[in-house]
């Protein structure tokens, strides 16, 4: 299979979920074998590759850094690029954090489909899972299993001990319509987390316009309704795809994740790659 880039560029503007700062972003086609790269136009065009070695923070979002230039919360865009088959793209930003938009990857997926894909001459090289591997985080009670499989499968289960959410599962495979079934699913948090997160300097741009807030045990704060019964699990699946895109190669295998999150996802991927 050949690599692909975008047929044409697209742009977004908005505010960052955590910084609350305005940002303008442009996503452009890129040459073969260049991968996904971010360019901080406000930092003398500093380049930050979307690769695992550049991950420096995973609290509530991925933060990438190269030569002091940061890129914050790229996972929703990375998820859409990965799932929709974009191997190479250049992302220009005039601030550190990508726009949160509606809290999902739906705007990105729509823009990618509208832009279209351009096949390139270079072959695509996948990350073939050819052995079983288990990563466990006993503190979080999380587990990610890597298994050989003929086609990519990402299988996510979440359990927050929540009466509202219960135990939820979401699966992405060859039959999944990412733009319809995964991309629209919004980020979420619990109402009791909001004040502590704000005191930590996070979610400065968060609102009911870009997040679901779970008011345990009453339901969803502000009367908001989930798009799917398992929308939170689908959003964690969305994040997992974005996090695993940091391998720089599409995964060929089955990934089964119980209680995933950015820290667990990236550590599991790092340990699996180190085992090869």
Protein backbone atom coordinates (compact mmCIF):
# COMPACT_ATOMS: atom_id res chain seq x y z
CA UNK A 1 0.00 0.00 0.00
CA UNK A 2 1.21 3.50 -0.81
CA UNK A 3 1.52 6.50 1.50
CA UNK A 4 -1.00 9.34 1.30
CA UNK A 5 -1.07 13.04 2.03
CA UNK A 6 -3.83 15.62 1.74
CA UNK A 7 -4.94 16.76 -1.70
CA UNK A 8 -5.35 20.31 -0.40
CA UNK A 9 -4.88 22.26 2.83
CA UNK A 10 -7.47 23.31 5.42
CA UNK A 11 -7.55 25.71 8.38
CA UNK A 12 -9.17 26.09 11.78
CA UNK A 13 -9.13 28.72 14.51
CA UNK A 14 -10.32 28.51 18.10
CA UNK A 15 -9.04 28.25 21.65
CA UNK A 16 -7.06 25.57 23.43
CA UNK A 17 -8.87 23.35 25.93
CA UNK A 18 -6.25 23.74 28.65
CA UNK A 19 -4.54 27.05 27.91
CA UNK A 20 -7.72 28.84 26.83
CA UNK A 21 -5.55 30.79 24.37
CA UNK A 22 -6.56 31.60 20.78
CA UNK A 23 -4.82 29.72 18.00
CA UNK A 24 -4.82 29.61 14.22
CA UNK A 25 -3.98 26.30 12.60
CA UNK A 26 -3.36 25.25 9.00
CA UNK A 27 -2.94 21.63 7.87
CA UNK A 28 -1.06 21.17 4.60
CA UNK A 29 0.10 18.37 2.30
CA UNK A 30 3.61 17.06 2.98
CA UNK A 31 6.22 14.98 1.11
CA UNK A 32 6.49 11.18 1.39
CA UNK A 33 8.21 9.78 4.48
CA UNK A 34 7.90 13.09 6.36
CA UNK A 35 5.13 11.88 8.70
CA UNK A 36 3.04 14.33 10.71
CA UNK A 37 5.01 17.38 11.77
CA UNK A 38 3.95 20.49 13.64
CA UNK A 39 5.47 23.89 12.88
CA UNK A 40 5.23 26.66 15.49
CA UNK A 41 5.04 29.75 13.28
CA UNK A 42 5.25 31.95 16.39
CA UNK A 43 8.51 30.24 17.40
CA UNK A 44 10.67 30.86 14.34
CA UNK A 45 9.05 27.92 12.56
CA UNK A 46 10.28 25.38 15.12
CA UNK A 47 9.41 21.85 13.98
CA UNK A 48 7.94 19.29 16.39
CA UNK A 49 7.48 15.74 15.02
CA UNK A 50 4.38 13.81 16.09
CA UNK A 51 6.39 10.87 17.36
CA UNK A 52 6.60 9.04 20.68
CA UNK A 53 10.14 10.23 21.63
CA UNK A 54 8.87 13.83 21.66
CA UNK A 55 6.11 13.20 24.24
CA UNK A 56 6.96 15.12 27.43
CA UNK A 57 3.61 15.28 29.27
CA UNK A 58 0.47 13.15 29.35
CA UNK A 59 -1.70 14.75 32.03
CA UNK A 60 -5.16 15.13 30.47
CA UNK A 61 -3.57 15.64 27.05
CA UNK A 62 -0.50 14.82 25.02
CA UNK A 63 2.27 17.44 25.03
CA UNK A 64 5.04 17.19 22.45
CA UNK A 65 8.28 19.16 22.67
CA UNK A 66 11.34 19.71 20.48
CA UNK A 67 14.05 22.26 21.19
CA UNK A 68 11.82 24.03 23.69
CA UNK A 69 8.82 24.38 21.34
CA UNK A 70 5.63 22.78 22.70
CA UNK A 71 2.58 21.32 20.96
CA UNK A 72 -0.33 20.63 23.30
CA UNK A 73 -3.47 18.50 22.80
CA UNK A 74 -2.73 17.20 19.29
CA UNK A 75 -4.45 13.86 19.87
CA UNK A 76 -7.84 14.64 18.26
CA UNK A 77 -6.25 15.84 15.01
CA UNK A 78 -3.75 12.96 15.08
CA UNK A 79 -6.58 10.50 15.59
CA UNK A 80 -8.47 11.77 12.54
CA UNK A 81 -5.36 11.86 10.35
CA UNK A 82 -4.44 8.33 11.43
CA UNK A 83 -7.87 6.76 11.03
CA UNK A 84 -8.54 8.43 7.67
CA UNK A 85 -5.22 7.36 6.19
CA UNK A 86 -3.10 10.51 6.12
CA UNK A 87 0.54 9.47 6.47
CA UNK A 88 2.18 12.83 5.79
CA UNK A 89 1.00 16.33 6.74
CA UNK A 90 2.42 19.62 7.96
CA UNK A 91 0.47 21.39 10.72
CA UNK A 92 1.19 25.08 11.24
CA UNK A 93 0.29 26.63 14.61
CA UNK A 94 0.69 30.18 15.90
CA UNK A 95 0.33 29.05 19.55
CA UNK A 96 1.16 25.96 21.58
CA UNK A 97 -2.24 24.31 21.88
CA UNK A 98 -4.46 23.06 19.07
CA UNK A 99 -8.06 24.36 19.02
CA UNK A 100 -10.45 22.17 20.99
CA UNK A 101 -13.38 23.08 18.69
CA UNK A 102 -16.38 21.01 19.87
CA UNK A 103 -14.25 18.62 21.96
CA UNK A 104 -14.28 15.88 19.34
CA UNK A 105 -12.48 15.01 16.11
CA UNK A 106 -15.56 15.57 13.95
CA UNK A 107 -14.46 18.94 12.49
CA UNK A 108 -11.06 17.49 11.62
CA UNK A 109 -12.52 14.36 10.04
CA UNK A 110 -14.90 16.47 7.96
CA UNK A 111 -12.08 18.72 6.78
CA UNK A 112 -9.86 15.75 5.86
CA UNK A 113 -12.64 14.15 3.82
CA UNK A 114 -13.38 17.46 2.09
CA UNK A 115 -9.69 18.01 1.30
CA UNK A 116 -9.31 14.49 -0.09
CA UNK A 117 -6.26 12.22 -0.15
CA UNK A 118 -3.37 12.22 -2.60
CA UNK A 119 -1.57 8.92 -3.17
CA UNK A 120 2.22 9.18 -3.07
CA UNK A 121 4.91 7.01 -4.65
CA UNK A 122 6.45 5.79 -1.39
CA UNK A 123 5.26 2.54 0.19
CA UNK A 124 3.57 2.60 3.58
CA UNK A 125 5.36 0.62 6.31
CA UNK A 126 3.19 -0.67 9.14
CA UNK A 127 3.94 -1.64 12.72
CA UNK A 128 3.13 -5.35 12.50
CA UNK A 129 2.21 -6.90 15.87
CA UNK A 130 3.77 -10.33 15.48
CA UNK A 131 3.79 -11.41 19.13
CA UNK A 132 1.54 -11.06 22.15
CA UNK A 133 2.59 -8.44 24.67
CA UNK A 134 0.89 -7.13 27.82
CA UNK A 135 1.47 -3.80 29.52
CA UNK A 136 -0.09 -3.26 32.96
CA UNK A 137 -0.31 -0.23 35.22
CA UNK A 138 -1.26 -1.59 38.66
CA UNK A 139 -1.70 1.89 40.14
CA UNK A 140 -4.39 2.84 37.62
CA UNK A 141 -5.66 -0.71 37.20
CA UNK A 142 -5.02 -0.36 33.47
CA UNK A 143 -3.96 -2.97 30.96
CA UNK A 144 -3.15 -2.86 27.25
CA UNK A 145 -2.70 -6.08 25.29
CA UNK A 146 -0.98 -6.32 21.89
CA UNK A 147 -1.97 -9.33 19.78
CA UNK A 148 -1.31 -10.46 16.20
CA UNK A 149 -4.32 -10.03 13.91
CA UNK A 150 -4.87 -9.97 10.14
CA UNK A 151 -6.32 -6.45 10.23
CA UNK A 152 -6.22 -3.55 12.73
CA UNK A 153 -8.54 -3.75 15.73
CA UNK A 154 -8.68 -1.35 18.70
CA UNK A 155 -10.92 -2.62 21.53
CA UNK A 156 -11.45 -0.26 24.49
CA UNK A 157 -13.20 -0.79 27.83
CA UNK A 158 -13.59 1.98 30.43
CA UNK A 159 -14.62 1.65 34.07
CA UNK A 160 -14.56 4.70 36.34
CA UNK A 161 -16.74 3.10 39.01
CA UNK A 162 -19.45 5.51 37.84
CA UNK A 163 -23.17 4.95 38.25
CA UNK A 164 -23.80 7.26 35.31
CA UNK A 165 -21.32 5.71 32.88
CA UNK A 166 -21.19 2.13 34.08
CA UNK A 167 -18.70 -0.12 32.25
CA UNK A 168 -18.51 0.84 28.57
CA UNK A 169 -16.85 -0.75 25.55
CA UNK A 170 -16.06 0.56 22.06
CA UNK A 171 -14.38 -1.18 19.12
CA UNK A 172 -12.71 0.15 15.98
CA UNK A 173 -12.00 -2.25 13.10
CA UNK A 174 -12.17 -2.42 9.32
CA UNK A 175 -15.98 -2.15 9.39
CA UNK A 176 -16.05 1.04 11.48
CA UNK A 177 -16.98 4.36 9.86
CA UNK A 178 -14.60 6.55 11.86
CA UNK A 179 -16.08 9.87 10.71
CA UNK A 180 -19.59 8.80 11.68
CA UNK A 181 -19.07 6.54 14.69
CA UNK A 182 -15.90 7.73 16.48
CA UNK A 183 -14.94 11.26 15.42
CA UNK A 184 -18.08 13.01 16.85
CA UNK A 185 -17.47 11.68 20.38
CA UNK A 186 -16.52 14.48 22.78
CA UNK A 187 -14.03 14.71 25.58
CA UNK A 188 -15.48 14.36 29.08
CA UNK A 189 -14.75 14.80 32.75
CA UNK A 190 -16.53 14.49 36.09
CA UNK A 191 -18.02 17.53 37.79
CA UNK A 192 -15.98 16.93 40.94
CA UNK A 193 -12.80 17.17 38.84
CA UNK A 194 -13.49 20.62 37.40
CA UNK A 195 -12.31 22.79 40.30
CA UNK A 196 -9.10 20.76 40.97
CA UNK A 197 -8.24 20.79 37.27
CA UNK A 198 -8.69 24.55 37.10
CA UNK A 199 -6.43 24.97 40.13
CA UNK A 200 -3.79 22.98 38.25
CA UNK A 201 -4.00 25.46 35.38
CA UNK A 202 -5.89 23.04 33.13
CA UNK A 203 -9.21 23.23 31.19
CA UNK A 204 -8.94 27.02 30.92
CA UNK A 205 -10.84 26.81 27.64
CA UNK A 206 -13.27 24.10 28.71
CA UNK A 207 -17.03 24.63 28.55
CA UNK A 208 -20.24 22.72 27.93
CA UNK A 209 -19.74 23.59 24.27
CA UNK A 210 -16.68 21.34 24.04
CA UNK A 211 -17.03 18.70 26.77
CA UNK A 212 -19.44 16.35 28.45
CA UNK A 213 -19.46 16.77 32.23
CA UNK A 214 -20.63 13.82 34.31
CA UNK A 215 -22.53 14.86 37.45
CA UNK A 216 -22.27 11.70 39.51
CA UNK A 217 -24.75 10.09 40.24
CA UNK A 218 -27.32 12.40 38.64
CA UNK A 219 -26.43 12.26 34.97
CA UNK A 220 -24.80 14.73 32.62
CA UNK A 221 -24.38 18.29 33.91
CA UNK A 222 -26.45 20.96 32.19
CA UNK A 223 -28.85 18.44 30.74
CA UNK A 224 -26.41 17.49 27.98
CA UNK A 225 -27.06 14.14 26.36
CA UNK A 226 -24.47 11.73 24.94
CA UNK A 227 -24.56 11.12 21.20
CA UNK A 228 -24.19 7.39 21.86
CA UNK A 229 -24.84 5.28 24.96
CA UNK A 230 -21.09 4.66 25.08
CA UNK A 231 -19.84 8.06 23.90
CA UNK A 232 -17.16 8.30 26.65
CA UNK A 233 -15.74 4.90 25.65
CA UNK A 234 -15.76 5.96 22.03
CA UNK A 235 -13.88 9.13 22.94
CA UNK A 236 -11.25 7.09 24.79
CA UNK A 237 -10.97 4.99 21.63
CA UNK A 238 -10.56 8.21 19.62
CA UNK A 239 -7.73 9.24 21.98
CA UNK A 240 -6.11 5.79 21.79
CA UNK A 241 -5.92 6.01 18.00
CA UNK A 242 -4.31 9.44 18.29
CA UNK A 243 -1.85 8.23 20.90
CA UNK A 244 -0.87 5.14 18.90
CA UNK A 245 -0.33 7.28 15.80
CA UNK A 246 2.79 8.48 17.62
CA UNK A 247 4.41 5.20 16.58
CA UNK A 248 4.77 6.90 13.20
CA UNK A 249 3.42 3.81 11.46
CA UNK A 250 -0.09 2.33 11.21
CA UNK A 251 -0.58 -0.56 13.62
CA UNK A 252 -1.26 -3.96 12.09
CA UNK A 253 -2.70 -6.05 14.91
CA UNK A 254 -5.22 -6.13 17.73
CA UNK A 255 -4.96 -3.71 20.67
CA UNK A 256 -7.18 -4.46 23.66
CA UNK A 257 -7.19 -1.62 26.19
CA UNK A 258 -8.77 -1.69 29.65
CA UNK A 259 -8.95 1.73 31.35
CA UNK A 260 -6.72 3.48 28.81
CA UNK A 261 -5.45 7.05 29.06
CA UNK A 262 -2.66 9.12 27.56
CA UNK A 263 -0.04 8.02 30.11
CA UNK A 264 -0.98 4.35 29.86
CA UNK A 265 -1.29 4.45 26.06
CA UNK A 266 2.11 6.03 25.48
CA UNK A 267 3.88 3.90 28.08
CA UNK A 268 2.39 0.71 26.63
CA UNK A 269 3.50 1.69 23.14
CA UNK A 270 6.97 2.63 24.40
CA UNK A 271 7.39 -0.69 26.21
CA UNK A 272 6.14 -2.69 23.23
CA UNK A 273 8.56 -0.95 20.84
CA UNK A 274 11.40 -1.51 23.31
CA UNK A 275 10.61 -5.24 23.33
CA UNK A 276 11.14 -5.62 19.58
